[in-house]
C-alpha cells in the first residue's frame, strides 16, 4: 500500500489562477508524497508564478500549443507516469488526508472506477445545497417534472443534480471535474470537448465518455475538497454571453445522451428567463 500511495500523478490545467498557490500548498501538506505534479499552461500565456516555495514537489511544467481546460488536462494525462492520476482544478483546496484516503477508497473499488470527494465551501457545506431548498425543489418539479432530485444523477432534461449527503460512498452518473482520481489505464486521452468557449458542462462530457468506456463513477462524501461557491463567480458582463455559449454546448450533449430535442429547447427557454432575471439583479446590486 505504501508503494501505491507514492505512485500518484497530479494534473492541473491552469491560466495562472492566483489560487493555484493554495492548491499546491494543499498537495505539499499532504500526508503522502506524490510522484509528480504536472502543471499545464498554454504557450502564449504569461505564467509568472514563482514555484520555488514548492521545490519539494516534483513539478513538471508542460507547455501546450493552445489553451482549453479539457485539452490541457488531456495533454497532462498523456505524460503522467503514476499508476493513479488525480485531476485538479487550479483553485481547489483540501486537507492533508484527502489524497491518501481517495486512493485508499479507489483501491477498494473495481479497477474500472473513478472517484471524487464531496465539493464544499470553506464552511464544509456542499456547494450544491442550493438545489435542494424548498424553492429549488418546487422549481425542478414544476418545470422539469423532477420530483425526487436524486443526488448525483442527470435527469431526463439533462440537468445534473449535485450531492449534499455526507458520510457515504455513492455510485453516481456524473463527477464534478474539480477533483477526480483515476487509474492511469482508465484515462480519457482525447480532447473530447469540441468547443472554443469556456468549458461549460465539461464534467458531464467527461463523465459520459468515462461511462462509455465502462468506467463506474463514485463520490466518497466522507471526504471533501473546497472550491469557490459558483454563485460568487457571477459577473453581469459575462452572464448572457456565457449562457448563450452554454446553450450550444448543451445541444451537443443532448445529442450524445439521446435526449429529445424538444427538451433541449424547453431547458433553454427556462434558463434564458432565469438568466435574464439574474442579469437584472446583478445590475441592481452593482450600482
C-alpha atoms as a PDB file:
ATOM      1  CA  UNK A   1       0.000   0.000   0.000  1.00  0.00           C
ATOM      2  CA  UNK A   2       2.833   2.419   0.737  1.00  0.00           C
ATOM      3  CA  UNK A   3       4.216   1.963  -2.781  1.00  0.00           C
ATOM      4  CA  UNK A   4       0.742   2.537  -4.197  1.00  0.00           C
ATOM      5  CA  UNK A   5       0.344   5.780  -2.293  1.00  0.00           C
ATOM      6  CA  UNK A   6       3.588   7.143  -3.732  1.00  0.00           C
ATOM      7  CA  UNK A   7       2.643   6.245  -7.302  1.00  0.00           C
ATOM      8  CA  UNK A   8       0.363   9.230  -7.917  1.00  0.00           C
ATOM      9  CA  UNK A   9       0.485  11.868 -10.638  1.00  0.00           C
ATOM     10  CA  UNK A  10      -1.459  15.108 -10.302  1.00  0.00           C
ATOM     11  CA  UNK A  11      -2.536  17.070 -13.387  1.00  0.00           C
ATOM     12  CA  UNK A  12      -3.550  20.740 -13.078  1.00  0.00           C
ATOM     13  CA  UNK A  13      -4.510  22.766 -16.180  1.00  0.00           C
ATOM     14  CA  UNK A  14      -4.195  26.489 -15.473  1.00  0.00           C
ATOM     15  CA  UNK A  15      -4.096  30.009 -16.868  1.00  0.00           C
ATOM     16  CA  UNK A  16      -2.337  31.256 -13.774  1.00  0.00           C
ATOM     17  CA  UNK A  17      -5.194  31.493 -11.281  1.00  0.00           C
ATOM     18  CA  UNK A  18      -3.778  33.155  -8.153  1.00  0.00           C
ATOM     19  CA  UNK A  19      -5.391  30.380  -6.080  1.00  0.00           C
ATOM     20  CA  UNK A  20      -3.046  27.858  -7.683  1.00  0.00           C
ATOM     21  CA  UNK A  21      -0.751  28.505  -4.731  1.00  0.00           C
ATOM     22  CA  UNK A  22      -3.451  27.241  -2.376  1.00  0.00           C
ATOM     23  CA  UNK A  23      -3.847  24.096  -4.462  1.00  0.00           C
ATOM     24  CA  UNK A  24      -0.103  23.448  -4.491  1.00  0.00           C
ATOM     25  CA  UNK A  25       0.088  24.142  -0.750  1.00  0.00           C
ATOM     26  CA  UNK A  26      -2.606  21.515  -0.183  1.00  0.00           C
ATOM     27  CA  UNK A  27      -0.526  18.982  -2.140  1.00  0.00           C
ATOM     28  CA  UNK A  28       2.658  19.984  -0.315  1.00  0.00           C
ATOM     29  CA  UNK A  29       0.997  19.499   3.074  1.00  0.00           C
ATOM     30  CA  UNK A  30      -0.473  16.140   2.110  1.00  0.00           C
ATOM     31  CA  UNK A  31       0.080  13.142   4.386  1.00  0.00           C
ATOM     32  CA  UNK A  32       1.737  11.337   1.466  1.00  0.00           C
ATOM     33  CA  UNK A  33       4.264  12.333  -1.195  1.00  0.00           C
ATOM     34  CA  UNK A  34       3.132  12.196  -4.803  1.00  0.00           C
ATOM     35  CA  UNK A  35       5.221  11.154  -7.789  1.00  0.00           C
ATOM     36  CA  UNK A  36       4.747  14.355  -9.791  1.00  0.00           C
ATOM     37  CA  UNK A  37       2.608  17.456 -10.194  1.00  0.00           C
ATOM     38  CA  UNK A  38       2.038  18.330 -13.853  1.00  0.00           C
ATOM     39  CA  UNK A  39       1.054  21.971 -14.388  1.00  0.00           C
ATOM     40  CA  UNK A  40      -0.262  22.501 -17.921  1.00  0.00           C
ATOM     41  CA  UNK A  41      -0.068  26.001 -19.428  1.00  0.00           C
ATOM     42  CA  UNK A  42      -0.741  27.329 -22.989  1.00  0.00           C
ATOM     43  CA  UNK A  43       2.398  28.622 -24.703  1.00  0.00           C
ATOM     44  CA  UNK A  44       1.028  32.118 -25.343  1.00  0.00           C
ATOM     45  CA  UNK A  45       0.127  32.671 -21.709  1.00  0.00           C
ATOM     46  CA  UNK A  46       2.458  34.625 -19.462  1.00  0.00           C
ATOM     47  CA  UNK A  47       2.846  32.324 -16.460  1.00  0.00           C
ATOM     48  CA  UNK A  48       4.836  34.293 -13.898  1.00  0.00           C
ATOM     49  CA  UNK A  49       4.323  32.215 -10.766  1.00  0.00           C
ATOM     50  CA  UNK A  50       7.315  31.707  -8.510  1.00  0.00           C
ATOM     51  CA  UNK A  51       7.180  27.997  -7.711  1.00  0.00           C
ATOM     52  CA  UNK A  52      10.337  27.955  -5.575  1.00  0.00           C
ATOM     53  CA  UNK A  53       8.323  27.619  -2.359  1.00  0.00           C
ATOM     54  CA  UNK A  54       7.064  24.276  -3.685  1.00  0.00           C
ATOM     55  CA  UNK A  55      10.509  22.893  -4.534  1.00  0.00           C
ATOM     56  CA  UNK A  56       9.779  19.732  -2.528  1.00  0.00           C
ATOM     57  CA  UNK A  57       7.150  18.805  -5.091  1.00  0.00           C
ATOM     58  CA  UNK A  58       8.315  17.256  -8.327  1.00  0.00           C
ATOM     59  CA  UNK A  59       6.654  19.900 -10.523  1.00  0.00           C
ATOM     60  CA  UNK A  60       6.606  19.277 -14.262  1.00  0.00           C
ATOM     61  CA  UNK A  61       5.608  22.301 -16.353  1.00  0.00           C
ATOM     62  CA  UNK A  62       4.001  21.294 -19.655  1.00  0.00           C
ATOM     63  CA  UNK A  63       3.542  23.979 -22.319  1.00  0.00           C
ATOM     64  CA  UNK A  64       0.753  23.266 -24.825  1.00  0.00           C
ATOM     65  CA  UNK A  65       0.180  24.697 -28.301  1.00  0.00           C
ATOM     66  CA  UNK A  66      -3.236  26.021 -27.327  1.00  0.00           C
ATOM     67  CA  UNK A  67      -5.442  26.599 -24.311  1.00  0.00           C
ATOM     68  CA  UNK A  68      -8.652  24.992 -23.134  1.00  0.00           C
ATOM     69  CA  UNK A  69      -9.140  23.196 -19.851  1.00  0.00           C
ATOM     70  CA  UNK A  70     -10.029  19.837 -21.391  1.00  0.00           C
ATOM     71  CA  UNK A  71      -7.232  19.940 -23.969  1.00  0.00           C
ATOM     72  CA  UNK A  72      -4.636  20.985 -21.397  1.00  0.00           C
ATOM     73  CA  UNK A  73      -5.740  18.260 -19.000  1.00  0.00           C
ATOM     74  CA  UNK A  74      -5.642  15.566 -21.687  1.00  0.00           C
ATOM     75  CA  UNK A  75      -2.095  16.595 -22.634  1.00  0.00           C
ATOM     76  CA  UNK A  76      -1.114  16.335 -18.973  1.00  0.00           C
ATOM     77  CA  UNK A  77      -2.719  12.911 -18.772  1.00  0.00           C
ATOM     78  CA  UNK A  78      -0.629  11.734 -21.713  1.00  0.00           C
ATOM     79  CA  UNK A  79       2.693  12.350 -19.971  1.00  0.00           C
ATOM     80  CA  UNK A  80       1.626  11.238 -16.494  1.00  0.00           C
ATOM     81  CA  UNK A  81       3.622   8.334 -15.063  1.00  0.00           C
ATOM     82  CA  UNK A  82       1.729   7.362 -11.935  1.00  0.00           C
ATOM     83  CA  UNK A  83      -0.473   4.327 -11.560  1.00  0.00           C
ATOM     84  CA  UNK A  84      -3.072   6.743 -10.188  1.00  0.00           C
ATOM     85  CA  UNK A  85      -3.803  10.162 -11.698  1.00  0.00           C
ATOM     86  CA  UNK A  86      -5.580  12.935  -9.805  1.00  0.00           C
ATOM     87  CA  UNK A  87      -7.080  15.713 -11.902  1.00  0.00           C
ATOM     88  CA  UNK A  88      -7.405  19.012 -10.056  1.00  0.00           C
ATOM     89  CA  UNK A  89      -8.669  22.461 -10.902  1.00  0.00           C
ATOM     90  CA  UNK A  90      -6.275  25.300 -10.097  1.00  0.00           C
ATOM     91  CA  UNK A  91      -8.464  26.775  -7.354  1.00  0.00           C
ATOM     92  CA  UNK A  92      -9.178  23.826  -5.099  1.00  0.00           C
ATOM     93  CA  UNK A  93      -8.064  23.195  -1.513  1.00  0.00           C
ATOM     94  CA  UNK A  94      -8.153  20.116   0.689  1.00  0.00           C
ATOM     95  CA  UNK A  95      -6.818  18.740   3.961  1.00  0.00           C
ATOM     96  CA  UNK A  96      -3.694  16.633   4.364  1.00  0.00           C
ATOM     97  CA  UNK A  97      -5.537  13.288   4.283  1.00  0.00           C
ATOM     98  CA  UNK A  98      -7.655  13.736   1.149  1.00  0.00           C
ATOM     99  CA  UNK A  99      -5.291  12.237  -1.436  1.00  0.00           C
ATOM    100  CA  UNK A 100      -4.339   9.285   0.755  1.00  0.00           C
ATOM    101  CA  UNK A 101      -7.945   8.436   1.542  1.00  0.00           C
ATOM    102  CA  UNK A 102      -9.157   8.916  -2.043  1.00  0.00           C
ATOM    103  CA  UNK A 103      -6.547   6.413  -3.203  1.00  0.00           C
ATOM    104  CA  UNK A 104      -7.473   4.002  -0.404  1.00  0.00           C
ATOM    105  CA  UNK A 105     -11.124   4.141  -1.432  1.00  0.00           C
ATOM    106  CA  UNK A 106     -10.339   3.722  -5.135  1.00  0.00           C
ATOM    107  CA  UNK A 107      -8.139   0.707  -4.406  1.00  0.00           C
ATOM    108  CA  UNK A 108     -11.100  -0.924  -2.641  1.00  0.00           C
ATOM    109  CA  UNK A 109     -13.326  -0.493  -5.727  1.00  0.00           C
ATOM    110  CA  UNK A 110     -13.293  -2.406  -9.034  1.00  0.00           C
ATOM    111  CA  UNK A 111     -10.412  -1.341 -11.292  1.00  0.00           C
ATOM    112  CA  UNK A 112     -12.850   0.217 -13.770  1.00  0.00           C
ATOM    113  CA  UNK A 113     -13.755   3.045 -11.358  1.00  0.00           C
ATOM    114  CA  UNK A 114     -13.110   6.761 -10.876  1.00  0.00           C
ATOM    115  CA  UNK A 115     -13.857   8.715  -7.720  1.00  0.00           C
ATOM    116  CA  UNK A 116     -14.375  12.243  -6.401  1.00  0.00           C
ATOM    117  CA  UNK A 117     -14.809  13.730  -2.930  1.00  0.00           C
ATOM    118  CA  UNK A 118     -17.731  15.915  -1.924  1.00  0.00           C
ATOM    119  CA  UNK A 119     -17.193  19.516  -3.061  1.00  0.00           C
ATOM    120  CA  UNK A 120     -17.826  22.034  -0.308  1.00  0.00           C
ATOM    121  CA  UNK A 121     -17.286  25.656   0.607  1.00  0.00           C
ATOM    122  CA  UNK A 122     -14.896  26.725   3.348  1.00  0.00           C
ATOM    123  CA  UNK A 123     -17.622  26.077   5.938  1.00  0.00           C
ATOM    124  CA  UNK A 124     -17.780  22.400   4.884  1.00  0.00           C
ATOM    125  CA  UNK A 125     -21.213  22.833   3.297  1.00  0.00           C
ATOM    126  CA  UNK A 126     -21.926  21.236  -0.081  1.00  0.00           C
ATOM    127  CA  UNK A 127     -21.773  23.748  -2.932  1.00  0.00           C
ATOM    128  CA  UNK A 128     -24.831  22.001  -4.397  1.00  0.00           C
ATOM    129  CA  UNK A 129     -27.077  22.564  -1.399  1.00  0.00           C
ATOM    130  CA  UNK A 130     -28.935  25.356  -3.226  1.00  0.00           C
ATOM    131  CA  UNK A 131     -30.585  22.787  -5.495  1.00  0.00           C
ATOM    132  CA  UNK A 132     -32.275  21.170  -2.504  1.00  0.00           C
ATOM    133  CA  UNK A 133     -34.029  24.166  -0.957  1.00  0.00           C
ATOM    134  CA  UNK A 134     -37.822  24.110  -0.966  1.00  0.00           C
ATOM    135  CA  UNK A 135     -37.930  26.764  -3.710  1.00  0.00           C
ATOM    136  CA  UNK A 136     -35.495  24.831  -5.910  1.00  0.00           C
ATOM    137  CA  UNK A 137     -37.370  21.583  -5.389  1.00  0.00           C
ATOM    138  CA  UNK A 138     -40.596  23.285  -6.466  1.00  0.00           C
ATOM    139  CA  UNK A 139     -38.793  24.767  -9.471  1.00  0.00           C
ATOM    140  CA  UNK A 140     -37.464  21.365 -10.612  1.00  0.00           C
ATOM    141  CA  UNK A 141     -40.829  19.716 -10.001  1.00  0.00           C
ATOM    142  CA  UNK A 142     -42.823  22.367 -11.890  1.00  0.00           C
ATOM    143  CA  UNK A 143     -40.527  22.972 -14.864  1.00  0.00           C
ATOM    144  CA  UNK A 144     -38.647  19.663 -15.221  1.00  0.00           C
ATOM    145  CA  UNK A 145     -41.120  17.234 -13.639  1.00  0.00           C
ATOM    146  CA  UNK A 146     -38.321  16.017 -11.380  1.00  0.00           C
ATOM    147  CA  UNK A 147     -39.939  15.353  -8.021  1.00  0.00           C
ATOM    148  CA  UNK A 148     -37.122  13.351  -6.440  1.00  0.00           C
ATOM    149  CA  UNK A 149     -33.886  15.255  -7.197  1.00  0.00           C
ATOM    150  CA  UNK A 150     -31.776  12.120  -6.989  1.00  0.00           C
ATOM    151  CA  UNK A 151     -28.291  13.084  -5.819  1.00  0.00           C
ATOM    152  CA  UNK A 152     -25.509  12.515  -8.347  1.00  0.00           C
ATOM    153  CA  UNK A 153     -27.921  11.993 -11.236  1.00  0.00           C
ATOM    154  CA  UNK A 154     -28.603  13.591 -14.624  1.00  0.00           C
ATOM    155  CA  UNK A 155     -32.352  13.967 -15.010  1.00  0.00           C
ATOM    156  CA  UNK A 156     -34.378  13.446 -18.177  1.00  0.00           C
ATOM    157  CA  UNK A 157     -33.911  17.126 -19.117  1.00  0.00           C
ATOM    158  CA  UNK A 158     -30.115  16.861 -18.965  1.00  0.00           C
ATOM    159  CA  UNK A 159     -29.851  18.710 -15.656  1.00  0.00           C
ATOM    160  CA  UNK A 160     -27.112  17.487 -13.328  1.00  0.00           C
ATOM    161  CA  UNK A 161     -28.062  17.115  -9.674  1.00  0.00           C
ATOM    162  CA  UNK A 162     -25.257  17.561  -7.156  1.00  0.00           C
ATOM    163  CA  UNK A 163     -24.645  15.807  -3.848  1.00  0.00           C
ATOM    164  CA  UNK A 164     -25.264  17.065  -0.326  1.00  0.00           C
ATOM    165  CA  UNK A 165     -25.422  13.869   1.767  1.00  0.00           C
ATOM    166  CA  UNK A 166     -22.276  13.206   3.796  1.00  0.00           C
ATOM    167  CA  UNK A 167     -20.535  10.119   5.148  1.00  0.00           C
ATOM    168  CA  UNK A 168     -21.297   7.622   2.418  1.00  0.00           C
ATOM    169  CA  UNK A 169     -19.912   6.157  -0.804  1.00  0.00           C
ATOM    170  CA  UNK A 170     -22.289   6.843  -3.683  1.00  0.00           C
ATOM    171  CA  UNK A 171     -22.404   5.467  -7.215  1.00  0.00           C
ATOM    172  CA  UNK A 172     -23.269   8.419  -9.455  1.00  0.00           C
ATOM    173  CA  UNK A 173     -23.989   9.388 -13.060  1.00  0.00           C
ATOM    174  CA  UNK A 174     -21.518  12.271 -13.203  1.00  0.00           C
ATOM    175  CA  UNK A 175     -18.435  13.557 -11.399  1.00  0.00           C
ATOM    176  CA  UNK A 176     -17.600  17.237 -10.871  1.00  0.00           C
ATOM    177  CA  UNK A 177     -14.333  17.917 -12.674  1.00  0.00           C
ATOM    178  CA  UNK A 178     -12.533  19.832  -9.932  1.00  0.00           C
ATOM    179  CA  UNK A 179     -11.115  16.768  -8.178  1.00  0.00           C
ATOM    180  CA  UNK A 180     -11.261  13.287  -9.725  1.00  0.00           C
ATOM    181  CA  UNK A 181      -8.963  10.318  -9.115  1.00  0.00           C
ATOM    182  CA  UNK A 182      -8.445   7.757 -11.891  1.00  0.00           C
ATOM    183  CA  UNK A 183      -6.323   4.744 -12.589  1.00  0.00           C
ATOM    184  CA  UNK A 184      -3.998   5.752 -15.427  1.00  0.00           C
ATOM    185  CA  UNK A 185      -5.266   2.970 -17.680  1.00  0.00           C
ATOM    186  CA  UNK A 186      -8.790   4.425 -17.495  1.00  0.00           C
ATOM    187  CA  UNK A 187      -7.905   7.976 -18.567  1.00  0.00           C
ATOM    188  CA  UNK A 188      -9.627   9.726 -21.479  1.00  0.00           C
ATOM    189  CA  UNK A 189      -6.662  10.993 -23.506  1.00  0.00           C
ATOM    190  CA  UNK A 190      -8.553  12.659 -26.360  1.00  0.00           C
ATOM    191  CA  UNK A 191      -9.813  16.232 -26.412  1.00  0.00           C
ATOM    192  CA  UNK A 192     -13.480  15.299 -26.096  1.00  0.00           C
ATOM    193  CA  UNK A 193     -14.695  18.925 -25.807  1.00  0.00           C
ATOM    194  CA  UNK A 194     -15.178  20.362 -29.347  1.00  0.00           C
ATOM    195  CA  UNK A 195     -15.789  23.986 -28.319  1.00  0.00           C
ATOM    196  CA  UNK A 196     -13.565  27.066 -28.020  1.00  0.00           C
ATOM    197  CA  UNK A 197     -15.538  28.830 -25.291  1.00  0.00           C
ATOM    198  CA  UNK A 198     -15.301  28.315 -21.543  1.00  0.00           C
ATOM    199  CA  UNK A 199     -15.603  24.622 -20.674  1.00  0.00           C
ATOM    200  CA  UNK A 200     -19.233  24.638 -19.556  1.00  0.00           C
ATOM    201  CA  UNK A 201     -20.552  21.165 -18.702  1.00  0.00           C
ATOM    202  CA  UNK A 202     -17.151  19.592 -19.386  1.00  0.00           C
ATOM    203  CA  UNK A 203     -17.598  17.415 -16.306  1.00  0.00           C
ATOM    204  CA  UNK A 204     -20.781  15.977 -17.824  1.00  0.00           C
ATOM    205  CA  UNK A 205     -18.976  15.312 -21.109  1.00  0.00           C
ATOM    206  CA  UNK A 206     -16.068  13.697 -19.275  1.00  0.00           C
ATOM    207  CA  UNK A 207     -18.401  11.551 -17.183  1.00  0.00           C
ATOM    208  CA  UNK A 208     -20.245  10.466 -20.327  1.00  0.00           C
ATOM    209  CA  UNK A 209     -17.094   9.292 -22.094  1.00  0.00           C
ATOM    210  CA  UNK A 210     -15.788   7.567 -18.970  1.00  0.00           C
ATOM    211  CA  UNK A 211     -19.019   5.599 -18.748  1.00  0.00           C
ATOM    212  CA  UNK A 212     -18.926   4.804 -22.474  1.00  0.00           C
ATOM    213  CA  UNK A 213     -15.530   3.233 -21.729  1.00  0.00           C
ATOM    214  CA  UNK A 214     -17.057   1.144 -18.964  1.00  0.00           C
ATOM    215  CA  UNK A 215     -15.858   3.228 -16.003  1.00  0.00           C
ATOM    216  CA  UNK A 216     -18.129   3.360 -12.955  1.00  0.00           C
ATOM    217  CA  UNK A 217     -18.282   6.707 -11.134  1.00  0.00           C
ATOM    218  CA  UNK A 218     -18.302   7.188  -7.375  1.00  0.00           C
ATOM    219  CA  UNK A 219     -18.322  10.059  -4.891  1.00  0.00           C
ATOM    220  CA  UNK A 220     -16.963   9.452  -1.398  1.00  0.00           C
ATOM    221  CA  UNK A 221     -18.750  12.011   0.746  1.00  0.00           C
ATOM    222  CA  UNK A 222     -16.702  11.029   3.775  1.00  0.00           C
ATOM    223  CA  UNK A 223     -14.076  13.250   2.095  1.00  0.00           C
ATOM    224  CA  UNK A 224     -14.304  16.826   0.901  1.00  0.00           C
ATOM    225  CA  UNK A 225     -12.425  19.358  -1.190  1.00  0.00           C
ATOM    226  CA  UNK A 226     -13.046  23.097  -1.032  1.00  0.00           C
ATOM    227  CA  UNK A 227     -13.971  25.174  -4.081  1.00  0.00           C
ATOM    228  CA  UNK A 228     -15.278  28.667  -4.654  1.00  0.00           C
ATOM    229  CA  UNK A 229     -19.065  28.889  -4.471  1.00  0.00           C
ATOM    230  CA  UNK A 230     -20.377  29.096  -8.080  1.00  0.00           C
ATOM    231  CA  UNK A 231     -22.660  31.997  -7.185  1.00  0.00           C
ATOM    232  CA  UNK A 232     -19.628  34.035  -6.113  1.00  0.00           C
ATOM    233  CA  UNK A 233     -18.276  33.901  -9.664  1.00  0.00           C
ATOM    234  CA  UNK A 234     -21.265  35.588 -11.304  1.00  0.00           C
ATOM    235  CA  UNK A 235     -20.410  38.587 -13.478  1.00  0.00           C
ATOM    236  CA  UNK A 236     -23.124  40.602 -15.213  1.00  0.00           C
ATOM    237  CA  UNK A 237     -20.784  41.495 -18.092  1.00  0.00           C
ATOM    238  CA  UNK A 238     -20.347  37.819 -18.996  1.00  0.00           C
ATOM    239  CA  UNK A 239     -23.637  36.337 -17.838  1.00  0.00           C
ATOM    240  CA  UNK A 240     -25.641  36.471 -21.070  1.00  0.00           C
ATOM    241  CA  UNK A 241     -22.835  35.583 -23.487  1.00  0.00           C
ATOM    242  CA  UNK A 242     -21.736  32.726 -21.242  1.00  0.00           C
ATOM    243  CA  UNK A 243     -25.272  31.344 -21.185  1.00  0.00           C
ATOM    244  CA  UNK A 244     -25.537  31.503 -24.989  1.00  0.00           C
ATOM    245  CA  UNK A 245     -22.267  29.575 -25.269  1.00  0.00           C
ATOM    246  CA  UNK A 246     -23.580  27.069 -22.767  1.00  0.00           C
ATOM    247  CA  UNK A 247     -26.699  26.543 -24.910  1.00  0.00           C
ATOM    248  CA  UNK A 248     -24.503  25.440 -27.834  1.00  0.00           C
ATOM    249  CA  UNK A 249     -22.543  23.082 -25.610  1.00  0.00           C
ATOM    250  CA  UNK A 250     -25.712  21.660 -24.096  1.00  0.00           C
ATOM    251  CA  UNK A 251     -27.208  20.932 -27.521  1.00  0.00           C
ATOM    252  CA  UNK A 252     -24.348  18.597 -28.414  1.00  0.00           C
ATOM    253  CA  UNK A 253     -24.533  16.946 -25.000  1.00  0.00           C
ATOM    254  CA  UNK A 254     -28.239  16.255 -25.532  1.00  0.00           C
ATOM    255  CA  UNK A 255     -27.308  14.662 -28.864  1.00  0.00           C
ATOM    256  CA  UNK A 256     -24.718  12.436 -27.162  1.00  0.00           C
ATOM    257  CA  UNK A 257     -27.182  11.359 -24.475  1.00  0.00           C
ATOM    258  CA  UNK A 258     -30.075  10.879 -26.913  1.00  0.00           C
ATOM    259  CA  UNK A 259     -32.302  13.392 -25.117  1.00  0.00           C
ATOM    260  CA  UNK A 260     -35.331  14.637 -27.049  1.00  0.00           C
ATOM    261  CA  UNK A 261     -34.651  17.930 -28.858  1.00  0.00           C
ATOM    262  CA  UNK A 262     -37.904  19.405 -27.542  1.00  0.00           C
ATOM    263  CA  UNK A 263     -36.482  19.081 -24.027  1.00  0.00           C
ATOM    264  CA  UNK A 264     -33.401  20.985 -25.164  1.00  0.00           C
ATOM    265  CA  UNK A 265     -35.449  23.981 -26.312  1.00  0.00           C
ATOM    266  CA  UNK A 266     -37.539  23.794 -23.139  1.00  0.00           C
ATOM    267  CA  UNK A 267     -34.463  23.939 -20.903  1.00  0.00           C
ATOM    268  CA  UNK A 268     -33.016  26.804 -22.962  1.00  0.00           C
ATOM    269  CA  UNK A 269     -36.225  28.819 -22.651  1.00  0.00           C
ATOM    270  CA  UNK A 270     -36.389  28.293 -18.873  1.00  0.00           C
ATOM    271  CA  UNK A 271     -32.684  29.061 -18.425  1.00  0.00           C
ATOM    272  CA  UNK A 272     -32.923  32.188 -20.563  1.00  0.00           C
ATOM    273  CA  UNK A 273     -35.686  33.609 -18.379  1.00  0.00           C
ATOM    274  CA  UNK A 274     -33.744  32.751 -15.221  1.00  0.00           C
ATOM    275  CA  UNK A 275     -30.505  34.259 -16.530  1.00  0.00           C
ATOM    276  CA  UNK A 276     -32.282  37.489 -17.533  1.00  0.00           C
ATOM    277  CA  UNK A 277     -33.616  37.790 -14.002  1.00  0.00           C
ATOM    278  CA  UNK A 278     -30.121  37.180 -12.599  1.00  0.00           C
ATOM    279  CA  UNK A 279     -28.713  39.785 -15.003  1.00  0.00           C
ATOM    280  CA  UNK A 280     -31.191  42.410 -13.811  1.00  0.00           C
ATOM    281  CA  UNK A 281     -30.483  41.523 -10.181  1.00  0.00           C
ATOM    282  CA  UNK A 282     -26.720  41.859 -10.644  1.00  0.00           C
ATOM    283  CA  UNK A 283     -27.097  45.189 -12.426  1.00  0.00           C
ATOM    284  CA  UNK A 284     -29.102  46.488  -9.487  1.00  0.00           C
ATOM    285  CA  UNK A 285     -26.584  45.138  -6.951  1.00  0.00           C
ATOM    286  CA  UNK A 286     -23.593  46.545  -8.876  1.00  0.00           C
ATOM    287  CA  UNK A 287     -24.990  50.089  -8.933  1.00  0.00           C
END
